[in-house]
N, C-alpha and C. Protein backbone atom coordinates (compact mmCIF):
# COMPACT_ATOMS: atom_id res chain seq x y z
N MET A 1 -35.78 -58.25 20.39
CA MET A 1 -36.53 -59.03 21.36
C MET A 1 -35.74 -60.31 21.66
N THR A 2 -35.48 -60.58 22.92
CA THR A 2 -34.77 -61.79 23.30
C THR A 2 -35.71 -63.00 23.14
N PRO A 3 -35.15 -64.20 23.09
CA PRO A 3 -36.02 -65.38 23.00
C PRO A 3 -37.03 -65.46 24.16
N GLU A 4 -36.59 -65.08 25.37
CA GLU A 4 -37.51 -65.12 26.51
C GLU A 4 -38.62 -64.08 26.35
N GLU A 5 -38.27 -62.88 25.91
CA GLU A 5 -39.28 -61.84 25.69
C GLU A 5 -40.26 -62.27 24.60
N ARG A 6 -39.75 -62.90 23.54
CA ARG A 6 -40.62 -63.38 22.47
C ARG A 6 -41.58 -64.44 22.99
N GLN A 7 -41.10 -65.32 23.84
CA GLN A 7 -41.95 -66.37 24.42
C GLN A 7 -43.12 -65.75 25.19
N TRP A 8 -42.82 -64.78 26.05
CA TRP A 8 -43.88 -64.14 26.82
C TRP A 8 -44.81 -63.33 25.92
N PHE A 9 -44.26 -62.72 24.88
CA PHE A 9 -45.06 -61.99 23.90
C PHE A 9 -46.08 -62.93 23.26
N ARG A 10 -45.61 -64.10 22.84
CA ARG A 10 -46.50 -65.08 22.22
C ARG A 10 -47.60 -65.53 23.18
N LEU A 11 -47.19 -65.84 24.41
CA LEU A 11 -48.16 -66.32 25.39
C LEU A 11 -49.22 -65.26 25.68
N GLU A 12 -48.79 -64.01 25.81
CA GLU A 12 -49.74 -62.92 26.06
C GLU A 12 -50.68 -62.75 24.86
N LEU A 13 -50.14 -62.85 23.66
CA LEU A 13 -50.99 -62.76 22.47
C LEU A 13 -52.05 -63.85 22.50
N PHE A 14 -51.66 -65.08 22.78
CA PHE A 14 -52.63 -66.18 22.81
C PHE A 14 -53.70 -65.95 23.87
N CYS A 15 -53.29 -65.45 25.02
CA CYS A 15 -54.26 -65.14 26.07
C CYS A 15 -55.26 -64.09 25.59
N GLN A 16 -54.77 -63.09 24.90
CA GLN A 16 -55.68 -62.06 24.39
C GLN A 16 -56.61 -62.62 23.33
N LEU A 17 -56.08 -63.42 22.41
CA LEU A 17 -56.92 -63.99 21.37
C LEU A 17 -58.01 -64.87 21.98
N VAL A 18 -57.61 -65.75 22.89
CA VAL A 18 -58.58 -66.65 23.52
C VAL A 18 -59.61 -65.88 24.33
N GLY A 19 -59.17 -64.84 25.03
CA GLY A 19 -60.06 -64.09 25.90
C GLY A 19 -60.97 -63.11 25.20
N GLN A 20 -60.59 -62.67 23.99
CA GLN A 20 -61.34 -61.60 23.34
C GLN A 20 -62.09 -62.01 22.09
N THR A 21 -61.84 -63.20 21.56
CA THR A 21 -62.47 -63.58 20.30
C THR A 21 -63.98 -63.74 20.47
N PRO A 22 -64.74 -63.36 19.45
CA PRO A 22 -66.19 -63.50 19.54
C PRO A 22 -66.66 -64.95 19.46
N ARG A 23 -65.78 -65.86 19.09
CA ARG A 23 -66.11 -67.27 18.94
C ARG A 23 -65.09 -68.07 19.74
N VAL A 24 -65.48 -69.15 20.34
CA VAL A 24 -64.53 -69.98 21.08
C VAL A 24 -63.50 -70.52 20.09
N LEU A 25 -62.23 -70.35 20.44
CA LEU A 25 -61.15 -70.80 19.55
C LEU A 25 -60.69 -72.21 19.91
N GLY A 26 -60.35 -72.94 18.87
CA GLY A 26 -59.68 -74.21 19.01
C GLY A 26 -58.24 -74.05 18.57
N ARG A 27 -57.53 -75.15 18.43
CA ARG A 27 -56.13 -75.09 18.01
C ARG A 27 -55.99 -74.46 16.63
N THR A 28 -56.87 -74.85 15.71
CA THR A 28 -56.79 -74.31 14.36
C THR A 28 -56.99 -72.81 14.37
N GLY A 29 -57.97 -72.34 15.14
CA GLY A 29 -58.23 -70.90 15.20
C GLY A 29 -57.04 -70.12 15.72
N VAL A 30 -56.43 -70.60 16.79
CA VAL A 30 -55.26 -69.92 17.36
C VAL A 30 -54.12 -69.93 16.34
N MET A 31 -53.90 -71.09 15.71
CA MET A 31 -52.82 -71.23 14.71
C MET A 31 -53.01 -70.24 13.57
N LYS A 32 -54.22 -70.18 13.02
CA LYS A 32 -54.44 -69.33 11.85
C LYS A 32 -54.42 -67.85 12.21
N LEU A 33 -54.93 -67.47 13.36
CA LEU A 33 -54.85 -66.07 13.78
C LEU A 33 -53.40 -65.65 14.00
N ALA A 34 -52.60 -66.54 14.60
CA ALA A 34 -51.18 -66.23 14.78
C ALA A 34 -50.50 -66.07 13.41
N TYR A 35 -50.84 -66.95 12.47
CA TYR A 35 -50.27 -66.84 11.13
C TYR A 35 -50.65 -65.50 10.48
N LEU A 36 -51.93 -65.16 10.54
CA LEU A 36 -52.39 -63.91 9.93
C LEU A 36 -51.74 -62.69 10.57
N LEU A 37 -51.63 -62.70 11.88
CA LEU A 37 -51.02 -61.56 12.56
C LEU A 37 -49.54 -61.43 12.22
N GLN A 38 -48.84 -62.53 12.13
CA GLN A 38 -47.42 -62.48 11.78
C GLN A 38 -47.24 -62.10 10.31
N THR A 39 -48.01 -62.71 9.43
CA THR A 39 -47.80 -62.55 7.99
C THR A 39 -48.37 -61.25 7.45
N VAL A 40 -49.58 -60.92 7.85
CA VAL A 40 -50.24 -59.75 7.29
C VAL A 40 -49.90 -58.48 8.07
N LYS A 41 -49.84 -58.58 9.40
CA LYS A 41 -49.62 -57.39 10.22
C LYS A 41 -48.21 -57.26 10.76
N GLY A 42 -47.39 -58.28 10.57
CA GLY A 42 -45.98 -58.17 10.94
C GLY A 42 -45.67 -58.30 12.42
N LEU A 43 -46.55 -58.96 13.20
CA LEU A 43 -46.22 -59.15 14.61
C LEU A 43 -44.95 -59.99 14.71
N PRO A 44 -44.03 -59.63 15.61
CA PRO A 44 -42.74 -60.32 15.71
C PRO A 44 -42.82 -61.64 16.48
N LEU A 45 -43.58 -62.58 15.94
CA LEU A 45 -43.76 -63.86 16.63
C LEU A 45 -42.61 -64.82 16.37
N GLY A 46 -41.94 -64.67 15.23
CA GLY A 46 -40.79 -65.51 14.94
C GLY A 46 -41.11 -66.95 14.58
N TYR A 47 -42.33 -67.22 14.17
CA TYR A 47 -42.69 -68.59 13.77
C TYR A 47 -42.27 -68.85 12.33
N ASP A 48 -42.06 -70.12 12.01
CA ASP A 48 -41.70 -70.54 10.66
C ASP A 48 -42.84 -71.42 10.13
N PHE A 49 -43.88 -70.80 9.63
CA PHE A 49 -45.05 -71.53 9.15
C PHE A 49 -44.73 -72.24 7.84
N ARG A 50 -45.24 -73.45 7.72
CA ARG A 50 -45.14 -74.26 6.50
C ARG A 50 -46.56 -74.68 6.11
N LEU A 51 -46.75 -74.95 4.83
CA LEU A 51 -48.07 -75.38 4.38
C LEU A 51 -48.30 -76.83 4.76
N HIS A 52 -49.45 -77.10 5.33
CA HIS A 52 -49.83 -78.40 5.86
C HIS A 52 -51.24 -78.69 5.36
N THR A 53 -51.72 -79.87 5.59
CA THR A 53 -53.07 -80.27 5.18
C THR A 53 -54.12 -79.25 5.60
N TYR A 54 -53.98 -78.70 6.80
CA TYR A 54 -54.96 -77.75 7.33
C TYR A 54 -54.52 -76.30 7.16
N GLY A 55 -53.66 -76.05 6.18
CA GLY A 55 -53.20 -74.68 5.94
C GLY A 55 -51.87 -74.42 6.61
N PRO A 56 -51.50 -73.14 6.76
CA PRO A 56 -50.22 -72.80 7.41
C PRO A 56 -50.15 -73.41 8.81
N PHE A 57 -49.01 -74.06 9.09
CA PHE A 57 -48.85 -74.78 10.36
C PHE A 57 -47.45 -74.54 10.90
N GLU A 58 -47.36 -74.46 12.23
CA GLU A 58 -46.07 -74.34 12.93
C GLU A 58 -46.24 -75.03 14.28
N SER A 59 -45.52 -76.12 14.50
CA SER A 59 -45.69 -76.90 15.73
C SER A 59 -45.38 -76.07 16.98
N ASP A 60 -44.51 -75.06 16.86
CA ASP A 60 -44.21 -74.24 18.03
C ASP A 60 -45.43 -73.47 18.54
N VAL A 61 -46.40 -73.19 17.67
CA VAL A 61 -47.63 -72.55 18.14
C VAL A 61 -48.33 -73.47 19.14
N LEU A 62 -48.41 -74.75 18.80
CA LEU A 62 -49.05 -75.71 19.71
C LEU A 62 -48.23 -75.87 20.99
N ASN A 63 -46.90 -75.85 20.87
CA ASN A 63 -46.06 -75.93 22.07
C ASN A 63 -46.30 -74.72 22.97
N ASP A 64 -46.38 -73.54 22.37
CA ASP A 64 -46.61 -72.33 23.16
C ASP A 64 -48.00 -72.32 23.78
N LEU A 65 -48.97 -72.81 23.03
CA LEU A 65 -50.33 -72.91 23.57
C LEU A 65 -50.34 -73.88 24.75
N GLY A 66 -49.58 -74.97 24.63
CA GLY A 66 -49.45 -75.92 25.74
C GLY A 66 -48.77 -75.29 26.95
N THR A 67 -47.79 -74.42 26.71
CA THR A 67 -47.14 -73.70 27.81
C THR A 67 -48.13 -72.78 28.50
N ALA A 68 -48.91 -72.05 27.71
CA ALA A 68 -49.93 -71.16 28.30
C ALA A 68 -50.91 -71.95 29.15
N GLU A 69 -51.25 -73.14 28.69
CA GLU A 69 -52.17 -73.98 29.46
C GLU A 69 -51.49 -74.51 30.72
N ALA A 70 -50.23 -74.93 30.61
CA ALA A 70 -49.50 -75.44 31.78
C ALA A 70 -49.35 -74.36 32.85
N LEU A 71 -49.23 -73.11 32.42
CA LEU A 71 -49.13 -71.99 33.36
C LEU A 71 -50.49 -71.59 33.95
N GLY A 72 -51.55 -72.15 33.40
CA GLY A 72 -52.89 -71.81 33.88
C GLY A 72 -53.42 -70.50 33.30
N ALA A 73 -52.76 -69.99 32.27
CA ALA A 73 -53.22 -68.74 31.64
C ALA A 73 -54.38 -68.98 30.69
N VAL A 74 -54.44 -70.18 30.12
CA VAL A 74 -55.60 -70.62 29.34
C VAL A 74 -55.95 -72.02 29.81
N THR A 75 -57.18 -72.41 29.57
CA THR A 75 -57.62 -73.78 29.86
C THR A 75 -58.21 -74.33 28.59
N SER A 76 -58.28 -75.65 28.50
CA SER A 76 -58.88 -76.26 27.32
C SER A 76 -59.88 -77.32 27.73
N LYS A 77 -60.79 -77.56 26.81
CA LYS A 77 -61.80 -78.59 27.01
C LYS A 77 -61.87 -79.39 25.71
N MET A 78 -61.84 -80.72 25.83
CA MET A 78 -61.97 -81.56 24.65
C MET A 78 -63.45 -81.66 24.30
N VAL A 79 -63.75 -81.45 23.02
CA VAL A 79 -65.14 -81.48 22.56
C VAL A 79 -65.22 -82.31 21.27
N PRO A 80 -66.36 -83.00 21.08
CA PRO A 80 -66.51 -83.75 19.82
C PRO A 80 -66.74 -82.78 18.66
N PHE A 81 -66.22 -83.12 17.49
CA PHE A 81 -66.48 -82.34 16.29
C PHE A 81 -67.95 -82.46 15.93
N ALA A 82 -68.50 -81.42 15.35
CA ALA A 82 -69.90 -81.43 14.94
C ALA A 82 -70.19 -82.56 13.97
N SER A 83 -69.21 -82.92 13.16
CA SER A 83 -69.38 -84.00 12.18
C SER A 83 -69.43 -85.37 12.84
N GLY A 84 -69.03 -85.42 14.13
CA GLY A 84 -69.00 -86.70 14.83
C GLY A 84 -67.78 -87.54 14.50
N SER A 85 -66.83 -86.96 13.77
CA SER A 85 -65.66 -87.73 13.33
C SER A 85 -64.40 -87.37 14.11
N GLY A 86 -64.48 -87.32 15.41
CA GLY A 86 -63.29 -87.05 16.20
C GLY A 86 -63.52 -85.97 17.23
N TYR A 87 -62.40 -85.52 17.81
CA TYR A 87 -62.45 -84.53 18.88
C TYR A 87 -61.50 -83.38 18.60
N GLY A 88 -61.80 -82.26 19.19
CA GLY A 88 -60.94 -81.09 19.12
C GLY A 88 -60.89 -80.44 20.49
N TYR A 89 -60.31 -79.27 20.54
CA TYR A 89 -60.17 -78.55 21.80
C TYR A 89 -60.78 -77.16 21.67
N GLU A 90 -61.35 -76.70 22.77
CA GLU A 90 -61.79 -75.32 22.89
C GLU A 90 -60.97 -74.69 23.99
N PHE A 91 -60.55 -73.43 23.76
CA PHE A 91 -59.69 -72.75 24.73
C PHE A 91 -60.43 -71.58 25.37
N TYR A 92 -60.16 -71.41 26.66
CA TYR A 92 -60.79 -70.37 27.48
C TYR A 92 -59.72 -69.69 28.32
N SER A 93 -60.01 -68.49 28.79
CA SER A 93 -59.08 -67.80 29.69
C SER A 93 -58.93 -68.60 30.98
N GLY A 94 -57.70 -68.62 31.49
CA GLY A 94 -57.42 -69.35 32.71
C GLY A 94 -57.26 -68.43 33.91
N GLY A 95 -57.25 -69.00 35.07
CA GLY A 95 -57.16 -68.25 36.31
C GLY A 95 -55.82 -67.56 36.53
N ASN A 96 -54.78 -68.03 35.84
CA ASN A 96 -53.45 -67.46 36.03
C ASN A 96 -53.08 -66.51 34.88
N ARG A 97 -54.08 -65.94 34.28
CA ARG A 97 -53.91 -65.05 33.13
C ARG A 97 -53.04 -63.84 33.45
N GLU A 98 -53.22 -63.26 34.64
CA GLU A 98 -52.48 -62.05 35.04
C GLU A 98 -50.98 -62.31 35.15
N PHE A 99 -50.60 -63.52 35.51
CA PHE A 99 -49.18 -63.86 35.60
C PHE A 99 -48.50 -63.65 34.25
N VAL A 100 -49.12 -64.15 33.20
CA VAL A 100 -48.56 -64.00 31.85
C VAL A 100 -48.54 -62.53 31.46
N ARG A 101 -49.59 -61.81 31.76
CA ARG A 101 -49.64 -60.38 31.41
C ARG A 101 -48.48 -59.63 32.07
N ARG A 102 -48.22 -59.91 33.33
CA ARG A 102 -47.12 -59.23 34.04
C ARG A 102 -45.77 -59.60 33.43
N LYS A 103 -45.58 -60.88 33.14
CA LYS A 103 -44.30 -61.34 32.58
C LYS A 103 -44.07 -60.77 31.17
N ALA A 104 -45.14 -60.61 30.40
CA ALA A 104 -45.03 -60.11 29.03
C ALA A 104 -44.74 -58.62 28.99
N GLY A 105 -45.13 -57.90 30.01
CA GLY A 105 -44.92 -56.46 30.01
C GLY A 105 -45.84 -55.77 29.02
N THR A 106 -45.35 -54.71 28.43
CA THR A 106 -46.20 -53.89 27.56
C THR A 106 -45.97 -54.11 26.07
N ALA A 107 -45.11 -55.04 25.70
CA ALA A 107 -44.77 -55.22 24.28
C ALA A 107 -45.99 -55.48 23.41
N VAL A 108 -46.92 -56.29 23.88
CA VAL A 108 -48.10 -56.64 23.07
C VAL A 108 -49.01 -55.42 22.90
N SER A 109 -48.97 -54.51 23.85
CA SER A 109 -49.86 -53.33 23.77
C SER A 109 -49.57 -52.49 22.52
N ASN A 110 -48.35 -52.57 21.99
CA ASN A 110 -48.03 -51.85 20.76
C ASN A 110 -48.77 -52.39 19.54
N TYR A 111 -49.38 -53.57 19.68
CA TYR A 111 -50.04 -54.24 18.57
C TYR A 111 -51.55 -54.40 18.79
N GLN A 112 -52.11 -53.62 19.70
CA GLN A 112 -53.54 -53.78 20.00
C GLN A 112 -54.43 -53.53 18.78
N ALA A 113 -54.11 -52.56 17.96
CA ALA A 113 -54.92 -52.29 16.77
C ALA A 113 -54.88 -53.49 15.83
N ASP A 114 -53.72 -54.12 15.70
CA ASP A 114 -53.60 -55.29 14.83
C ASP A 114 -54.37 -56.48 15.39
N ILE A 115 -54.31 -56.67 16.69
CA ILE A 115 -55.04 -57.77 17.33
C ILE A 115 -56.54 -57.54 17.16
N GLN A 116 -56.99 -56.32 17.36
CA GLN A 116 -58.42 -56.01 17.17
C GLN A 116 -58.82 -56.25 15.72
N TRP A 117 -57.96 -55.87 14.78
CA TRP A 117 -58.23 -56.13 13.37
C TRP A 117 -58.44 -57.62 13.14
N ALA A 118 -57.53 -58.46 13.65
CA ALA A 118 -57.63 -59.91 13.44
C ALA A 118 -58.91 -60.46 14.06
N LEU A 119 -59.25 -59.98 15.25
CA LEU A 119 -60.46 -60.46 15.91
C LEU A 119 -61.71 -60.03 15.16
N GLU A 120 -61.73 -58.80 14.66
CA GLU A 120 -62.90 -58.30 13.94
C GLU A 120 -63.04 -58.95 12.57
N GLU A 121 -61.93 -59.10 11.86
CA GLU A 121 -61.97 -59.67 10.51
C GLU A 121 -62.12 -61.19 10.49
N PHE A 122 -61.48 -61.86 11.46
CA PHE A 122 -61.39 -63.32 11.38
C PHE A 122 -61.84 -64.05 12.64
N GLY A 123 -62.06 -63.35 13.73
CA GLY A 123 -62.37 -64.00 15.00
C GLY A 123 -63.67 -64.75 15.04
N ASN A 124 -64.58 -64.46 14.13
CA ASN A 124 -65.87 -65.13 14.13
C ASN A 124 -65.96 -66.18 13.02
N ARG A 125 -64.84 -66.50 12.42
CA ARG A 125 -64.82 -67.47 11.31
C ARG A 125 -64.66 -68.89 11.86
N SER A 126 -65.20 -69.84 11.14
CA SER A 126 -65.04 -71.25 11.51
C SER A 126 -63.60 -71.68 11.23
N ALA A 127 -63.22 -72.81 11.79
CA ALA A 127 -61.88 -73.35 11.55
C ALA A 127 -61.68 -73.62 10.06
N ALA A 128 -62.69 -74.14 9.38
CA ALA A 128 -62.58 -74.42 7.95
C ALA A 128 -62.37 -73.14 7.15
N GLU A 129 -63.09 -72.08 7.49
CA GLU A 129 -62.90 -70.80 6.80
C GLU A 129 -61.50 -70.25 7.04
N LEU A 130 -61.04 -70.33 8.29
CA LEU A 130 -59.70 -69.84 8.60
C LEU A 130 -58.63 -70.64 7.85
N GLU A 131 -58.83 -71.95 7.74
CA GLU A 131 -57.91 -72.78 6.96
C GLU A 131 -57.82 -72.29 5.53
N LEU A 132 -58.98 -72.08 4.90
CA LEU A 132 -59.00 -71.66 3.51
C LEU A 132 -58.41 -70.27 3.33
N LEU A 133 -58.84 -69.32 4.13
CA LEU A 133 -58.35 -67.95 4.00
C LEU A 133 -56.85 -67.87 4.22
N SER A 134 -56.35 -68.55 5.24
CA SER A 134 -54.91 -68.51 5.52
C SER A 134 -54.11 -69.25 4.44
N THR A 135 -54.69 -70.30 3.85
CA THR A 135 -54.01 -71.00 2.76
C THR A 135 -53.92 -70.11 1.53
N ILE A 136 -54.98 -69.36 1.24
CA ILE A 136 -54.96 -68.41 0.12
C ILE A 136 -53.85 -67.38 0.34
N ILE A 137 -53.78 -66.83 1.54
CA ILE A 137 -52.74 -65.82 1.84
C ILE A 137 -51.36 -66.45 1.76
N TYR A 138 -51.21 -67.68 2.25
CA TYR A 138 -49.93 -68.37 2.18
C TYR A 138 -49.48 -68.53 0.72
N ALA A 139 -50.40 -69.02 -0.14
CA ALA A 139 -50.07 -69.22 -1.56
C ALA A 139 -49.76 -67.89 -2.24
N ASP A 140 -50.48 -66.84 -1.86
CA ASP A 140 -50.23 -65.50 -2.39
C ASP A 140 -48.83 -65.03 -2.00
N ARG A 141 -48.46 -65.19 -0.75
CA ARG A 141 -47.14 -64.75 -0.29
C ARG A 141 -46.02 -65.57 -0.93
N GLU A 142 -46.26 -66.87 -1.13
CA GLU A 142 -45.27 -67.71 -1.80
C GLU A 142 -45.05 -67.22 -3.24
N ALA A 143 -46.13 -66.89 -3.93
CA ALA A 143 -46.01 -66.37 -5.30
C ALA A 143 -45.24 -65.05 -5.30
N LYS A 144 -45.54 -64.18 -4.37
CA LYS A 144 -44.85 -62.90 -4.28
C LYS A 144 -43.36 -63.11 -4.04
N GLN A 145 -43.04 -64.07 -3.19
CA GLN A 145 -41.63 -64.37 -2.90
C GLN A 145 -40.90 -64.84 -4.17
N ARG A 146 -41.63 -65.54 -5.05
CA ARG A 146 -41.05 -65.99 -6.32
C ARG A 146 -41.20 -64.92 -7.40
N GLU A 147 -41.68 -63.73 -7.01
CA GLU A 147 -41.90 -62.61 -7.92
C GLU A 147 -42.85 -62.95 -9.05
N GLU A 148 -43.89 -63.73 -8.71
CA GLU A 148 -44.93 -64.09 -9.67
C GLU A 148 -46.15 -63.22 -9.46
N GLN A 149 -46.80 -62.87 -10.54
CA GLN A 149 -48.10 -62.19 -10.50
C GLN A 149 -49.11 -63.23 -10.96
N LEU A 150 -50.15 -63.47 -10.17
CA LEU A 150 -51.14 -64.50 -10.47
C LEU A 150 -52.50 -63.87 -10.76
N SER A 151 -53.28 -64.55 -11.59
CA SER A 151 -54.68 -64.18 -11.72
C SER A 151 -55.44 -64.87 -10.57
N MET A 152 -56.66 -64.44 -10.36
CA MET A 152 -57.47 -65.09 -9.32
C MET A 152 -57.64 -66.58 -9.64
N GLN A 153 -57.83 -66.90 -10.92
CA GLN A 153 -58.04 -68.29 -11.32
C GLN A 153 -56.78 -69.12 -11.08
N GLU A 154 -55.61 -68.55 -11.36
CA GLU A 154 -54.36 -69.27 -11.11
C GLU A 154 -54.17 -69.53 -9.61
N LEU A 155 -54.45 -68.52 -8.81
CA LEU A 155 -54.34 -68.71 -7.36
C LEU A 155 -55.36 -69.73 -6.88
N ALA A 156 -56.58 -69.65 -7.38
CA ALA A 156 -57.63 -70.61 -6.98
C ALA A 156 -57.23 -72.04 -7.34
N LYS A 157 -56.59 -72.21 -8.49
CA LYS A 157 -56.14 -73.54 -8.89
C LYS A 157 -55.07 -74.06 -7.92
N LYS A 158 -54.11 -73.20 -7.58
CA LYS A 158 -53.05 -73.60 -6.64
C LYS A 158 -53.64 -73.98 -5.28
N VAL A 159 -54.57 -73.16 -4.79
CA VAL A 159 -55.19 -73.43 -3.50
C VAL A 159 -56.04 -74.69 -3.57
N GLY A 160 -56.74 -74.88 -4.68
CA GLY A 160 -57.57 -76.07 -4.86
C GLY A 160 -56.77 -77.37 -4.83
N GLU A 161 -55.51 -77.31 -5.24
CA GLU A 161 -54.66 -78.50 -5.18
C GLU A 161 -54.36 -78.89 -3.73
N VAL A 162 -54.31 -77.91 -2.87
CA VAL A 162 -54.06 -78.16 -1.45
C VAL A 162 -55.37 -78.42 -0.70
N LYS A 163 -56.42 -77.75 -1.14
CA LYS A 163 -57.74 -77.82 -0.49
C LYS A 163 -58.80 -78.33 -1.47
N PRO A 164 -58.68 -79.60 -1.90
CA PRO A 164 -59.62 -80.09 -2.92
C PRO A 164 -61.06 -80.23 -2.44
N HIS A 165 -61.29 -80.17 -1.13
CA HIS A 165 -62.67 -80.29 -0.62
C HIS A 165 -63.45 -78.99 -0.77
N PHE A 166 -62.80 -77.90 -1.20
CA PHE A 166 -63.49 -76.66 -1.50
C PHE A 166 -63.66 -76.54 -3.01
N THR A 167 -64.82 -76.07 -3.45
CA THR A 167 -65.03 -75.87 -4.89
C THR A 167 -64.21 -74.69 -5.36
N GLN A 168 -63.89 -74.69 -6.65
CA GLN A 168 -63.15 -73.57 -7.23
C GLN A 168 -63.96 -72.28 -7.08
N GLN A 169 -65.26 -72.37 -7.24
CA GLN A 169 -66.12 -71.19 -7.10
C GLN A 169 -66.01 -70.61 -5.68
N HIS A 170 -66.01 -71.48 -4.68
CA HIS A 170 -65.90 -71.01 -3.29
C HIS A 170 -64.53 -70.38 -3.04
N ILE A 171 -63.50 -71.02 -3.55
CA ILE A 171 -62.15 -70.48 -3.39
C ILE A 171 -62.04 -69.11 -4.05
N VAL A 172 -62.55 -68.97 -5.27
CA VAL A 172 -62.51 -67.69 -5.96
C VAL A 172 -63.26 -66.63 -5.17
N SER A 173 -64.41 -67.00 -4.58
CA SER A 173 -65.16 -66.00 -3.80
C SER A 173 -64.36 -65.53 -2.60
N LYS A 174 -63.59 -66.41 -1.97
CA LYS A 174 -62.76 -66.02 -0.83
C LYS A 174 -61.56 -65.19 -1.29
N ILE A 175 -61.02 -65.51 -2.47
CA ILE A 175 -59.94 -64.69 -3.03
C ILE A 175 -60.46 -63.28 -3.28
N GLU A 176 -61.65 -63.17 -3.87
CA GLU A 176 -62.25 -61.86 -4.11
C GLU A 176 -62.43 -61.09 -2.81
N GLU A 177 -62.88 -61.79 -1.76
CA GLU A 177 -63.06 -61.15 -0.45
C GLU A 177 -61.73 -60.60 0.07
N LEU A 178 -60.66 -61.39 -0.06
CA LEU A 178 -59.35 -60.96 0.42
C LEU A 178 -58.78 -59.82 -0.42
N ILE A 179 -59.07 -59.83 -1.72
CA ILE A 179 -58.64 -58.71 -2.56
C ILE A 179 -59.36 -57.44 -2.13
N GLN A 180 -60.64 -57.54 -1.88
CA GLN A 180 -61.41 -56.37 -1.45
C GLN A 180 -60.90 -55.82 -0.12
N LYS A 181 -60.37 -56.69 0.71
CA LYS A 181 -59.81 -56.27 1.99
C LYS A 181 -58.34 -55.84 1.85
N ASP A 182 -57.83 -55.89 0.63
CA ASP A 182 -56.46 -55.50 0.31
C ASP A 182 -55.43 -56.35 1.06
N LEU A 183 -55.69 -57.67 1.12
CA LEU A 183 -54.81 -58.56 1.86
C LEU A 183 -53.95 -59.46 0.97
N LEU A 184 -54.14 -59.37 -0.35
CA LEU A 184 -53.33 -60.17 -1.26
C LEU A 184 -52.38 -59.25 -2.00
N ILE A 185 -51.15 -59.73 -2.24
CA ILE A 185 -50.14 -58.86 -2.83
C ILE A 185 -49.59 -59.38 -4.16
N ALA A 186 -49.89 -60.63 -4.53
CA ALA A 186 -49.37 -61.19 -5.78
C ALA A 186 -50.49 -61.45 -6.79
N VAL A 187 -51.71 -61.08 -6.44
CA VAL A 187 -52.85 -61.41 -7.28
C VAL A 187 -53.38 -60.16 -7.96
N SER A 188 -53.58 -60.29 -9.25
CA SER A 188 -54.16 -59.20 -10.02
C SER A 188 -55.65 -59.10 -9.69
N SER A 189 -56.12 -57.90 -9.46
CA SER A 189 -57.55 -57.72 -9.19
C SER A 189 -58.31 -57.41 -10.47
N ALA A 190 -57.68 -57.60 -11.63
CA ALA A 190 -58.34 -57.37 -12.91
C ALA A 190 -59.57 -58.26 -13.01
N GLY A 191 -60.65 -57.69 -13.42
CA GLY A 191 -61.89 -58.46 -13.56
C GLY A 191 -62.73 -58.50 -12.31
N LEU A 192 -62.22 -57.97 -11.22
CA LEU A 192 -62.97 -57.96 -9.98
C LEU A 192 -64.01 -56.85 -10.02
N LEU A 193 -65.22 -57.19 -9.66
CA LEU A 193 -66.27 -56.17 -9.64
C LEU A 193 -66.05 -55.23 -8.46
N PRO A 194 -66.36 -53.92 -8.65
CA PRO A 194 -66.15 -52.96 -7.57
C PRO A 194 -67.10 -53.18 -6.41
């Protein structure tokens, strides 16, 4: 895939995510779905995600989302956070959506099952849930890369260091959920109830 083809592939993916998700997506939602699709399902997005305060992050995702918006393929609306402590963005399909679809061609169609999987499994999750789930997967993949096998408690401790606002009990419950979905590769499922 050439850099130009990859760019259009990314833009088309974002248009599909924004247009098909059961919940209105913000920046965090788009970021985490892109991470999950690249990391878990192997979509050739070519991003270099790093761990950040809000979980896996790649500034090029925001740049590409901005490009999609500049092209009119998606639109955004600034909205106050429910907590009242700032603002975020909500993304919607734009009037120039077909332009991106034509430019992207059929490459994204090869990944429709994976996109549907992401939307069904994660499309209705809050930004906070997506942050936690993607951080768990990130820490799991990092351990696998170091050829480490972790217990659920060890993984929960690592994630808790990054996400101290979540209780260990909550983190463990999400790890168990991901194990049941067969999405973790470095974590032992020993002790997990069937």
